[in-house]
Protein backbone atom coordinates (compact mmCIF):
# COMPACT_ATOMS: atom_id res chain seq x y z
CA UNK A 1 0.00 0.00 0.00
CA UNK A 2 1.12 3.52 -0.74
CA UNK A 3 0.35 6.39 1.64
CA UNK A 4 -0.47 8.89 -1.10
CA UNK A 5 -3.56 6.88 -2.13
CA UNK A 6 -6.77 7.04 -0.12
CA UNK A 7 -7.63 3.56 -1.43
CA UNK A 8 -5.26 0.71 -2.28
CA UNK A 9 -4.66 0.89 -6.06
CA UNK A 10 -4.62 -2.94 -6.18
CA UNK A 11 -7.58 -4.11 -4.08
CA UNK A 12 -9.56 -0.89 -3.44
CA UNK A 13 -9.43 -1.21 0.37
CA UNK A 14 -9.59 2.10 2.25
CA UNK A 15 -6.18 3.02 3.63
CA UNK A 16 -7.45 5.60 6.10
CA UNK A 17 -10.19 5.32 8.68
CA UNK A 18 -11.96 8.61 9.29
CA UNK A 19 -15.30 10.12 10.18
CA UNK A 20 -16.53 13.30 8.56
CA UNK A 21 -19.21 15.84 9.50
CA UNK A 22 -20.22 19.05 7.70
CA UNK A 23 -21.55 22.08 9.60
CA UNK A 24 -23.47 24.81 7.75
CA UNK A 25 -22.43 28.38 8.35
CA UNK A 26 -24.82 30.78 10.09
CA UNK A 27 -27.07 32.21 7.35
CA UNK A 28 -27.20 35.71 8.88
CA UNK A 29 -23.43 36.03 9.29
CA UNK A 30 -21.94 34.57 6.13
CA UNK A 31 -21.93 31.70 3.73
CA UNK A 32 -19.99 28.49 3.56
CA UNK A 33 -19.48 25.80 6.11
CA UNK A 34 -17.03 23.82 8.18
CA UNK A 35 -15.99 20.28 7.32
CA UNK A 36 -14.45 18.30 10.17
CA UNK A 37 -12.61 15.04 9.43
CA UNK A 38 -11.37 12.94 12.33
CA UNK A 39 -8.66 10.47 11.30
CA UNK A 40 -8.73 7.34 13.46
CA UNK A 41 -5.47 5.82 12.19
CA UNK A 42 -1.97 7.14 12.86
CA UNK A 43 -1.25 9.94 12.87
CA UNK A 44 -4.49 10.62 14.72
CA UNK A 45 -5.72 14.14 14.10
CA UNK A 46 -8.75 16.24 13.27
CA UNK A 47 -8.77 18.26 10.06
CA UNK A 48 -10.98 21.36 9.98
CA UNK A 49 -11.59 23.03 6.64
CA UNK A 50 -13.62 26.11 5.77
CA UNK A 51 -15.63 25.71 2.57
CA UNK A 52 -17.28 28.18 0.20
CA UNK A 53 -19.17 26.46 -2.57
CA UNK A 54 -17.16 23.52 -3.85
CA UNK A 55 -13.76 24.76 -2.67
CA UNK A 56 -11.89 24.67 0.63
CA UNK A 57 -10.71 28.17 1.56
CA UNK A 58 -8.51 27.18 4.50
CA UNK A 59 -7.68 24.11 6.58
CA UNK A 60 -5.82 23.13 9.73
CA UNK A 61 -5.08 19.84 11.45
CA UNK A 62 -5.24 19.53 15.24
CA UNK A 63 -3.58 16.82 17.30
CA UNK A 64 -5.84 14.84 19.68
CA UNK A 65 -5.05 17.04 22.70
CA UNK A 66 -5.96 20.25 20.85
CA UNK A 67 -9.07 18.56 19.43
CA UNK A 68 -10.20 17.73 22.98
CA UNK A 69 -9.44 21.28 24.11
CA UNK A 70 -11.55 22.66 21.24
CA UNK A 71 -14.41 20.38 22.26
CA UNK A 72 -14.25 21.56 25.86
CA UNK A 73 -14.15 25.19 24.71
CA UNK A 74 -17.26 24.75 22.56
CA UNK A 75 -19.14 22.96 25.33
CA UNK A 76 -18.26 25.70 27.82
CA UNK A 77 -19.46 28.38 25.39
CA UNK A 78 -22.99 26.97 25.25
CA UNK A 79 -25.76 29.23 26.44
CA UNK A 80 -25.96 28.98 30.23
CA UNK A 81 -28.86 27.01 31.63
CA UNK A 82 -30.28 26.91 35.09
CA UNK A 83 -28.15 24.65 37.29
CA UNK A 84 -29.11 22.91 40.46
CA UNK A 85 -27.51 23.96 43.71
CA UNK A 86 -25.49 20.71 43.76
CA UNK A 87 -24.19 21.38 40.22
CA UNK A 88 -23.10 24.89 41.17
CA UNK A 89 -21.20 23.59 44.21
CA UNK A 90 -19.49 20.87 42.14
CA UNK A 91 -18.46 23.36 39.45
CA UNK A 92 -16.67 25.52 42.03
CA UNK A 93 -14.29 22.66 42.91
PDB file of N, CA and C in Angstrom:
ATOM      1  N   UNK A   1       0.839  -1.203   0.000  1.00  0.00           N
ATOM      2  CA  UNK A   1       0.000   0.000   0.000  1.00  0.00           C
ATOM      3  C   UNK A   1       0.871   1.249   0.000  1.00  0.00           C
ATOM      4  N   UNK A   2       0.390   2.265  -0.672  1.00  0.00           N
ATOM      5  CA  UNK A   2       1.117   3.522  -0.738  1.00  0.00           C
ATOM      6  C   UNK A   2       0.322   4.597  -0.011  1.00  0.00           C
ATOM      7  N   UNK A   3       1.019   5.395   0.819  1.00  0.00           N
ATOM      8  CA  UNK A   3       0.348   6.392   1.640  1.00  0.00           C
ATOM      9  C   UNK A   3      -0.334   7.492   0.849  1.00  0.00           C
ATOM     10  N   UNK A   4       0.120   7.784  -0.373  1.00  0.00           N
ATOM     11  CA  UNK A   4      -0.475   8.894  -1.097  1.00  0.00           C
ATOM     12  C   UNK A   4      -1.848   8.557  -1.672  1.00  0.00           C
ATOM     13  N   UNK A   5      -2.247   7.283  -1.636  1.00  0.00           N
ATOM     14  CA  UNK A   5      -3.559   6.882  -2.133  1.00  0.00           C
ATOM     15  C   UNK A   5      -4.524   6.713  -0.975  1.00  0.00           C
ATOM     16  N   UNK A   6      -5.748   7.223  -1.142  1.00  0.00           N
ATOM     17  CA  UNK A   6      -6.772   7.036  -0.118  1.00  0.00           C
ATOM     18  C   UNK A   6      -7.244   5.583  -0.109  1.00  0.00           C
ATOM     19  N   UNK A   7      -7.253   4.960  -1.296  1.00  0.00           N
ATOM     20  CA  UNK A   7      -7.626   3.561  -1.432  1.00  0.00           C
ATOM     21  C   UNK A   7      -6.466   2.806  -2.060  1.00  0.00           C
ATOM     22  N   UNK A   8      -6.313   1.537  -1.703  1.00  0.00           N
ATOM     23  CA  UNK A   8      -5.256   0.712  -2.278  1.00  0.00           C
ATOM     24  C   UNK A   8      -5.489   0.612  -3.785  1.00  0.00           C
ATOM     25  N   UNK A   9      -4.479   0.948  -4.604  1.00  0.00           N
ATOM     26  CA  UNK A   9      -4.663   0.888  -6.056  1.00  0.00           C
ATOM     27  C   UNK A   9      -4.822  -0.539  -6.578  1.00  0.00           C
ATOM     28  N   UNK A  10      -4.534  -1.546  -5.739  1.00  0.00           N
ATOM     29  CA  UNK A  10      -4.617  -2.941  -6.180  1.00  0.00           C
ATOM     30  C   UNK A  10      -5.945  -3.592  -5.806  1.00  0.00           C
ATOM     31  N   UNK A  11      -6.369  -3.421  -4.543  1.00  0.00           N
ATOM     32  CA  UNK A  11      -7.584  -4.111  -4.083  1.00  0.00           C
ATOM     33  C   UNK A  11      -8.748  -3.172  -3.782  1.00  0.00           C
ATOM     34  N   UNK A  12      -8.500  -1.861  -3.702  1.00  0.00           N
ATOM     35  CA  UNK A  12      -9.562  -0.894  -3.440  1.00  0.00           C
ATOM     36  C   UNK A  12      -9.888  -0.686  -1.974  1.00  0.00           C
ATOM     37  N   UNK A  13      -9.167  -1.363  -1.063  1.00  0.00           N
ATOM     38  CA  UNK A  13      -9.425  -1.213   0.373  1.00  0.00           C
ATOM     39  C   UNK A  13      -9.040   0.190   0.844  1.00  0.00           C
ATOM     40  N   UNK A  14      -9.888   0.780   1.690  1.00  0.00           N
ATOM     41  CA  UNK A  14      -9.589   2.098   2.251  1.00  0.00           C
ATOM     42  C   UNK A  14      -8.311   2.029   3.072  1.00  0.00           C
ATOM     43  N   UNK A  15      -7.438   2.998   2.894  1.00  0.00           N
ATOM     44  CA  UNK A  15      -6.176   3.024   3.628  1.00  0.00           C
ATOM     45  C   UNK A  15      -6.226   3.942   4.835  1.00  0.00           C
ATOM     46  N   UNK A  16      -7.298   4.717   4.960  1.00  0.00           N
ATOM     47  CA  UNK A  16      -7.452   5.604   6.104  1.00  0.00           C
ATOM     48  C   UNK A  16      -8.842   5.400   6.700  1.00  0.00           C
ATOM     49  N   UNK A  17      -8.902   5.375   8.004  1.00  0.00           N
ATOM     50  CA  UNK A  17     -10.193   5.325   8.682  1.00  0.00           C
ATOM     51  C   UNK A  17     -10.476   6.719   9.218  1.00  0.00           C
ATOM     52  N   UNK A  18     -11.615   7.276   8.814  1.00  0.00           N
ATOM     53  CA  UNK A  18     -11.965   8.612   9.288  1.00  0.00           C
ATOM     54  C   UNK A  18     -13.468   8.762   9.345  1.00  0.00           C
ATOM     55  N   UNK A  19     -13.897   9.720  10.144  1.00  0.00           N
ATOM     56  CA  UNK A  19     -15.297  10.116  10.178  1.00  0.00           C
ATOM     57  C   UNK A  19     -15.355  11.583   9.787  1.00  0.00           C
ATOM     58  N   UNK A  20     -16.416  11.947   9.097  1.00  0.00           N
ATOM     59  CA  UNK A  20     -16.530  13.304   8.557  1.00  0.00           C
ATOM     60  C   UNK A  20     -17.911  13.861   8.888  1.00  0.00           C
ATOM     61  N   UNK A  21     -17.941  15.128   9.259  1.00  0.00           N
ATOM     62  CA  UNK A  21     -19.206  15.840   9.495  1.00  0.00           C
ATOM     63  C   UNK A  21     -19.086  17.226   8.880  1.00  0.00           C
ATOM     64  N   UNK A  22     -20.189  17.713   8.306  1.00  0.00           N
ATOM     65  CA  UNK A  22     -20.222  19.049   7.703  1.00  0.00           C
ATOM     66  C   UNK A  22     -21.178  19.915   8.507  1.00  0.00           C
ATOM     67  N   UNK A  23     -20.743  21.130   8.837  1.00  0.00           N
ATOM     68  CA  UNK A  23     -21.550  22.076   9.602  1.00  0.00           C
ATOM     69  C   UNK A  23     -21.824  23.301   8.738  1.00  0.00           C
ATOM     70  N   UNK A  24     -23.094  23.638   8.547  1.00  0.00           N
ATOM     71  CA  UNK A  24     -23.473  24.814   7.750  1.00  0.00           C
ATOM     72  C   UNK A  24     -23.135  26.086   8.502  1.00  0.00           C
ATOM     73  N   UNK A  25     -22.693  27.088   7.764  1.00  0.00           N
ATOM     74  CA  UNK A  25     -22.433  28.384   8.354  1.00  0.00           C
ATOM     75  C   UNK A  25     -23.734  29.077   8.746  1.00  0.00           C
ATOM     76  N   UNK A  26     -23.642  30.023   9.651  1.00  0.00           N
ATOM     77  CA  UNK A  26     -24.821  30.784  10.089  1.00  0.00           C
ATOM     78  C   UNK A  26     -25.316  31.628   8.920  1.00  0.00           C
ATOM     79  N   UNK A  27     -26.582  31.505   8.536  1.00  0.00           N
ATOM     80  CA  UNK A  27     -27.071  32.209   7.350  1.00  0.00           C
ATOM     81  C   UNK A  27     -27.083  33.728   7.483  1.00  0.00           C
ATOM     82  N   UNK A  28     -27.160  34.260   8.694  1.00  0.00           N
ATOM     83  CA  UNK A  28     -27.197  35.706   8.881  1.00  0.00           C
ATOM     84  C   UNK A  28     -25.812  36.338   8.985  1.00  0.00           C
ATOM     85  N   UNK A  29     -24.772  35.510   9.080  1.00  0.00           N
ATOM     86  CA  UNK A  29     -23.429  36.034   9.291  1.00  0.00           C
ATOM     87  C   UNK A  29     -22.545  35.851   8.062  1.00  0.00           C
ATOM     88  N   UNK A  30     -22.758  34.816   7.307  1.00  0.00           N
ATOM     89  CA  UNK A  30     -21.935  34.572   6.129  1.00  0.00           C
ATOM     90  C   UNK A  30     -22.330  33.270   5.472  1.00  0.00           C
ATOM     91  N   UNK A  31     -21.627  32.939   4.436  1.00  0.00           N
ATOM     92  CA  UNK A  31     -21.931  31.701   3.734  1.00  0.00           C
ATOM     93  C   UNK A  31     -20.862  30.663   4.025  1.00  0.00           C
ATOM     94  N   UNK A  32     -20.993  29.522   3.405  1.00  0.00           N
ATOM     95  CA  UNK A  32     -19.994  28.487   3.562  1.00  0.00           C
ATOM     96  C   UNK A  32     -20.312  27.537   4.691  1.00  0.00           C
ATOM     97  N   UNK A  33     -19.298  26.777   5.060  1.00  0.00           N
ATOM     98  CA  UNK A  33     -19.484  25.800   6.114  1.00  0.00           C
ATOM     99  C   UNK A  33     -18.144  25.276   6.600  1.00  0.00           C
ATOM    100  N   UNK A  34     -18.214  24.403   7.574  1.00  0.00           N
ATOM    101  CA  UNK A  34     -17.029  23.820   8.179  1.00  0.00           C
ATOM    102  C   UNK A  34     -17.108  22.309   8.021  1.00  0.00           C
ATOM    103  N   UNK A  35     -16.086  21.740   7.431  1.00  0.00           N
ATOM    104  CA  UNK A  35     -15.990  20.281   7.318  1.00  0.00           C
ATOM    105  C   UNK A  35     -14.954  19.816   8.333  1.00  0.00           C
ATOM    106  N   UNK A  36     -15.345  18.839   9.155  1.00  0.00           N
ATOM    107  CA  UNK A  36     -14.449  18.295  10.167  1.00  0.00           C
ATOM    108  C   UNK A  36     -14.241  16.818   9.866  1.00  0.00           C
ATOM    109  N   UNK A  37     -12.987  16.436   9.658  1.00  0.00           N
ATOM    110  CA  UNK A  37     -12.613  15.043   9.429  1.00  0.00           C
ATOM    111  C   UNK A  37     -11.755  14.593  10.595  1.00  0.00           C
ATOM    112  N   UNK A  38     -12.144  13.493  11.232  1.00  0.00           N
ATOM    113  CA  UNK A  38     -11.367  12.939  12.329  1.00  0.00           C
ATOM    114  C   UNK A  38     -10.738  11.644  11.827  1.00  0.00           C
ATOM    115  N   UNK A  39      -9.410  11.631  11.778  1.00  0.00           N
ATOM    116  CA  UNK A  39      -8.662  10.474  11.304  1.00  0.00           C
ATOM    117  C   UNK A  39      -8.393   9.549  12.485  1.00  0.00           C
ATOM    118  N   UNK A  40      -8.806   8.298  12.360  1.00  0.00           N
ATOM    119  CA  UNK A  40      -8.730   7.344  13.455  1.00  0.00           C
ATOM    120  C   UNK A  40      -7.454   6.514  13.430  1.00  0.00           C
ATOM    121  N   UNK A  41      -6.752   6.516  12.303  1.00  0.00           N
ATOM    122  CA  UNK A  41      -5.468   5.822  12.190  1.00  0.00           C
ATOM    123  C   UNK A  41      -4.342   6.803  12.485  1.00  0.00           C
ATOM    124  N   UNK A  42      -3.146   6.288  12.616  1.00  0.00           N
ATOM    125  CA  UNK A  42      -1.973   7.139  12.856  1.00  0.00           C
ATOM    126  C   UNK A  42      -1.581   7.876  11.587  1.00  0.00           C
ATOM    127  N   UNK A  43      -1.210   9.107  11.666  1.00  0.00           N
ATOM    128  CA  UNK A  43      -1.249   9.940  12.867  1.00  0.00           C
ATOM    129  C   UNK A  43      -2.681  10.408  13.132  1.00  0.00           C
ATOM    130  N   UNK A  44      -3.140  10.187  14.348  1.00  0.00           N
ATOM    131  CA  UNK A  44      -4.489  10.618  14.722  1.00  0.00           C
ATOM    132  C   UNK A  44      -4.535  12.141  14.732  1.00  0.00           C
ATOM    133  N   UNK A  45      -5.558  12.697  14.101  1.00  0.00           N
ATOM    134  CA  UNK A  45      -5.724  14.140  14.096  1.00  0.00           C
ATOM    135  C   UNK A  45      -7.122  14.489  13.601  1.00  0.00           C
ATOM    136  N   UNK A  46      -7.499  15.721  13.807  1.00  0.00           N
ATOM    137  CA  UNK A  46      -8.754  16.244  13.272  1.00  0.00           C
ATOM    138  C   UNK A  46      -8.397  17.326  12.266  1.00  0.00           C
ATOM    139  N   UNK A  47      -9.015  17.281  11.110  1.00  0.00           N
ATOM    140  CA  UNK A  47      -8.770  18.263  10.057  1.00  0.00           C
ATOM    141  C   UNK A  47     -10.017  19.110   9.917  1.00  0.00           C
ATOM    142  N   UNK A  48      -9.867  20.421  10.119  1.00  0.00           N
ATOM    143  CA  UNK A  48     -10.977  21.357   9.985  1.00  0.00           C
ATOM    144  C   UNK A  48     -10.741  22.185   8.736  1.00  0.00           C
ATOM    145  N   UNK A  49     -11.748  22.243   7.866  1.00  0.00           N
ATOM    146  CA  UNK A  49     -11.595  23.030   6.643  1.00  0.00           C
ATOM    147  C   UNK A  49     -12.832  23.896   6.431  1.00  0.00           C
ATOM    148  N   UNK A  50     -12.570  25.130   6.032  1.00  0.00           N
ATOM    149  CA  UNK A  50     -13.624  26.113   5.768  1.00  0.00           C
ATOM    150  C   UNK A  50     -13.931  26.071   4.274  1.00  0.00           C
ATOM    151  N   UNK A  51     -15.218  25.866   3.965  1.00  0.00           N
ATOM    152  CA  UNK A  51     -15.632  25.707   2.567  1.00  0.00           C
ATOM    153  C   UNK A  51     -16.543  26.844   2.133  1.00  0.00           C
ATOM    154  N   UNK A  52     -16.358  27.272   0.902  1.00  0.00           N
ATOM    155  CA  UNK A  52     -17.277  28.178   0.203  1.00  0.00           C
ATOM    156  C   UNK A  52     -17.575  27.522  -1.124  1.00  0.00           C
ATOM    157  N   UNK A  53     -18.822  27.169  -1.343  1.00  0.00           N
ATOM    158  CA  UNK A  53     -19.171  26.461  -2.568  1.00  0.00           C
ATOM    159  C   UNK A  53     -18.498  25.100  -2.590  1.00  0.00           C
ATOM    160  N   UNK A  54     -17.809  24.819  -3.674  1.00  0.00           N
ATOM    161  CA  UNK A  54     -17.159  23.522  -3.855  1.00  0.00           C
ATOM    162  C   UNK A  54     -15.665  23.552  -3.537  1.00  0.00           C
ATOM    163  N   UNK A  55     -15.192  24.595  -2.877  1.00  0.00           N
ATOM    164  CA  UNK A  55     -13.758  24.758  -2.673  1.00  0.00           C
ATOM    165  C   UNK A  55     -13.415  25.066  -1.221  1.00  0.00           C
ATOM    166  N   UNK A  56     -12.389  24.383  -0.724  1.00  0.00           N
ATOM    167  CA  UNK A  56     -11.893  24.671   0.626  1.00  0.00           C
ATOM    168  C   UNK A  56     -11.092  25.970   0.580  1.00  0.00           C
ATOM    169  N   UNK A  57     -11.392  26.886   1.494  1.00  0.00           N
ATOM    170  CA  UNK A  57     -10.708  28.174   1.556  1.00  0.00           C
ATOM    171  C   UNK A  57      -9.495  28.132   2.484  1.00  0.00           C
ATOM    172  N   UNK A  58      -9.594  27.294   3.520  1.00  0.00           N
ATOM    173  CA  UNK A  58      -8.508  27.176   4.501  1.00  0.00           C
ATOM    174  C   UNK A  58      -8.694  25.865   5.255  1.00  0.00           C
ATOM    175  N   UNK A  59      -7.594  25.353   5.813  1.00  0.00           N
ATOM    176  CA  UNK A  59      -7.677  24.110   6.578  1.00  0.00           C
ATOM    177  C   UNK A  59      -6.566  24.080   7.616  1.00  0.00           C
ATOM    178  N   UNK A  60      -6.819  23.340   8.685  1.00  0.00           N
ATOM    179  CA  UNK A  60      -5.820  23.134   9.725  1.00  0.00           C
ATOM    180  C   UNK A  60      -6.054  21.762  10.342  1.00  0.00           C
ATOM    181  N   UNK A  61      -4.985  21.114  10.747  1.00  0.00           N
ATOM    182  CA  UNK A  61      -5.083  19.835  11.453  1.00  0.00           C
ATOM    183  C   UNK A  61      -4.712  20.053  12.913  1.00  0.00           C
ATOM    184  N   UNK A  62      -5.492  19.437  13.809  1.00  0.00           N
ATOM    185  CA  UNK A  62      -5.240  19.533  15.240  1.00  0.00           C
ATOM    186  C   UNK A  62      -4.888  18.157  15.778  1.00  0.00           C
ATOM    187  N   UNK A  63      -3.903  18.098  16.679  1.00  0.00           N
ATOM    188  CA  UNK A  63      -3.581  16.818  17.304  1.00  0.00           C
ATOM    189  C   UNK A  63      -4.695  16.478  18.303  1.00  0.00           C
ATOM    190  N   UNK A  64      -4.737  15.241  18.803  1.00  0.00           N
ATOM    191  CA  UNK A  64      -5.843  14.838  19.681  1.00  0.00           C
ATOM    192  C   UNK A  64      -6.015  15.714  20.924  1.00  0.00           C
ATOM    193  N   UNK A  65      -4.923  16.195  21.504  1.00  0.00           N
ATOM    194  CA  UNK A  65      -5.050  17.040  22.696  1.00  0.00           C
ATOM    195  C   UNK A  65      -5.724  18.375  22.352  1.00  0.00           C
ATOM    196  N   UNK A  66      -5.340  18.979  21.251  1.00  0.00           N
ATOM    197  CA  UNK A  66      -5.964  20.246  20.851  1.00  0.00           C
ATOM    198  C   UNK A  66      -7.410  20.025  20.418  1.00  0.00           C
ATOM    199  N   UNK A  67      -7.693  18.876  19.803  1.00  0.00           N
ATOM    200  CA  UNK A  67      -9.070  18.555  19.428  1.00  0.00           C
ATOM    201  C   UNK A  67      -9.944  18.472  20.680  1.00  0.00           C
ATOM    202  N   UNK A  68      -9.447  17.815  21.722  1.00  0.00           N
ATOM    203  CA  UNK A  68     -10.195  17.728  22.982  1.00  0.00           C
ATOM    204  C   UNK A  68     -10.387  19.103  23.601  1.00  0.00           C
ATOM    205  N   UNK A  69      -9.345  19.923  23.557  1.00  0.00           N
ATOM    206  CA  UNK A  69      -9.439  21.276  24.112  1.00  0.00           C
ATOM    207  C   UNK A  69     -10.483  22.107  23.361  1.00  0.00           C
ATOM    208  N   UNK A  70     -10.535  21.956  22.034  1.00  0.00           N
ATOM    209  CA  UNK A  70     -11.547  22.660  21.243  1.00  0.00           C
ATOM    210  C   UNK A  70     -12.948  22.201  21.643  1.00  0.00           C
ATOM    211  N   UNK A  71     -13.116  20.901  21.837  1.00  0.00           N
ATOM    212  CA  UNK A  71     -14.413  20.379  22.259  1.00  0.00           C
ATOM    213  C   UNK A  71     -14.850  20.945  23.597  1.00  0.00           C
ATOM    214  N   UNK A  72     -13.922  20.993  24.544  1.00  0.00           N
ATOM    215  CA  UNK A  72     -14.245  21.562  25.864  1.00  0.00           C
ATOM    216  C   UNK A  72     -14.610  23.042  25.751  1.00  0.00           C
ATOM    217  N   UNK A  73     -13.879  23.766  24.913  1.00  0.00           N
ATOM    218  CA  UNK A  73     -14.155  25.192  24.712  1.00  0.00           C
ATOM    219  C   UNK A  73     -15.571  25.395  24.159  1.00  0.00           C
ATOM    220  N   UNK A  74     -15.938  24.611  23.152  1.00  0.00           N
ATOM    221  CA  UNK A  74     -17.263  24.747  22.559  1.00  0.00           C
ATOM    222  C   UNK A  74     -18.362  24.371  23.541  1.00  0.00           C
ATOM    223  N   UNK A  75     -18.142  23.337  24.322  1.00  0.00           N
ATOM    224  CA  UNK A  75     -19.138  22.956  25.332  1.00  0.00           C
ATOM    225  C   UNK A  75     -19.305  24.039  26.395  1.00  0.00           C
ATOM    226  N   UNK A  76     -18.198  24.648  26.794  1.00  0.00           N
ATOM    227  CA  UNK A  76     -18.264  25.699  27.819  1.00  0.00           C
ATOM    228  C   UNK A  76     -18.934  26.959  27.290  1.00  0.00           C
ATOM    229  N   UNK A  77     -18.896  27.167  25.994  1.00  0.00           N
ATOM    230  CA  UNK A  77     -19.459  28.382  25.395  1.00  0.00           C
ATOM    231  C   UNK A  77     -20.961  28.275  25.141  1.00  0.00           C
ATOM    232  N   UNK A  78     -21.551  27.126  25.431  1.00  0.00           N
ATOM    233  CA  UNK A  78     -22.993  26.971  25.251  1.00  0.00           C
ATOM    234  C   UNK A  78     -23.732  27.996  26.091  1.00  0.00           C
ATOM    235  N   UNK A  79     -24.942  28.311  25.668  1.00  0.00           N
ATOM    236  CA  UNK A  79     -25.765  29.232  26.445  1.00  0.00           C
ATOM    237  C   UNK A  79     -25.975  28.659  27.844  1.00  0.00           C
ATOM    238  N   UNK A  80     -25.797  29.488  28.863  1.00  0.00           N
ATOM    239  CA  UNK A  80     -25.960  28.982  30.230  1.00  0.00           C
ATOM    240  C   UNK A  80     -27.395  28.531  30.479  1.00  0.00           C
ATOM    241  N   UNK A  81     -27.526  27.481  31.251  1.00  0.00           N
ATOM    242  CA  UNK A  81     -28.858  27.010  31.632  1.00  0.00           C
ATOM    243  C   UNK A  81     -28.926  26.972  33.151  1.00  0.00           C
ATOM    244  N   UNK A  82     -30.101  26.940  33.643  1.00  0.00           N
ATOM    245  CA  UNK A  82     -30.278  26.908  35.094  1.00  0.00           C
ATOM    246  C   UNK A  82     -29.648  25.643  35.657  1.00  0.00           C
ATOM    247  N   UNK A  83     -28.822  25.786  36.668  1.00  0.00           N
ATOM    248  CA  UNK A  83     -28.148  24.646  37.294  1.00  0.00           C
ATOM    249  C   UNK A  83     -28.703  24.440  38.698  1.00  0.00           C
ATOM    250  N   UNK A  84     -28.679  23.217  39.093  1.00  0.00           N
ATOM    251  CA  UNK A  84     -29.115  22.909  40.456  1.00  0.00           C
ATOM    252  C   UNK A  84     -28.055  23.415  41.435  1.00  0.00           C
ATOM    253  N   UNK A  85     -28.440  23.513  42.684  1.00  0.00           N
ATOM    254  CA  UNK A  85     -27.506  23.964  43.712  1.00  0.00           C
ATOM    255  C   UNK A  85     -26.319  23.008  43.816  1.00  0.00           C
ATOM    256  N   UNK A  86     -26.563  21.706  43.704  1.00  0.00           N
ATOM    257  CA  UNK A  86     -25.491  20.712  43.763  1.00  0.00           C
ATOM    258  C   UNK A  86     -24.526  20.923  42.588  1.00  0.00           C
ATOM    259  N   UNK A  87     -25.053  21.151  41.393  1.00  0.00           N
ATOM    260  CA  UNK A  87     -24.190  21.379  40.216  1.00  0.00           C
ATOM    261  C   UNK A  87     -23.315  22.599  40.408  1.00  0.00           C
ATOM    262  N   UNK A  88     -23.876  23.677  40.952  1.00  0.00           N
ATOM    263  CA  UNK A  88     -23.101  24.894  41.168  1.00  0.00           C
ATOM    264  C   UNK A  88     -21.971  24.651  42.156  1.00  0.00           C
ATOM    265  N   UNK A  89     -22.227  23.894  43.217  1.00  0.00           N
ATOM    266  CA  UNK A  89     -21.197  23.591  44.205  1.00  0.00           C
ATOM    267  C   UNK A  89     -20.103  22.747  43.575  1.00  0.00           C
ATOM    268  N   UNK A  90     -20.475  21.731  42.779  1.00  0.00           N
ATOM    269  CA  UNK A  90     -19.492  20.868  42.143  1.00  0.00           C
ATOM    270  C   UNK A  90     -18.645  21.630  41.138  1.00  0.00           C
ATOM    271  N   UNK A  91     -19.215  22.584  40.448  1.00  0.00           N
ATOM    272  CA  UNK A  91     -18.463  23.364  39.450  1.00  0.00           C
ATOM    273  C   UNK A  91     -17.412  24.240  40.098  1.00  0.00           C
ATOM    274  N   UNK A  92     -17.638  24.646  41.345  1.00  0.00           N
ATOM    275  CA  UNK A  92     -16.666  25.516  42.033  1.00  0.00           C
ATOM    276  C   UNK A  92     -15.412  24.760  42.446  1.00  0.00           C
ATOM    277  N   UNK A  93     -15.449  23.460  42.473  1.00  0.00           N
ATOM    278  CA  UNK A  93     -14.292  22.658  42.915  1.00  0.00           C
ATOM    279  C   UNK A  93     -13.231  22.586  41.899  1.00  0.00           C
TER     280      UNK A  93
END
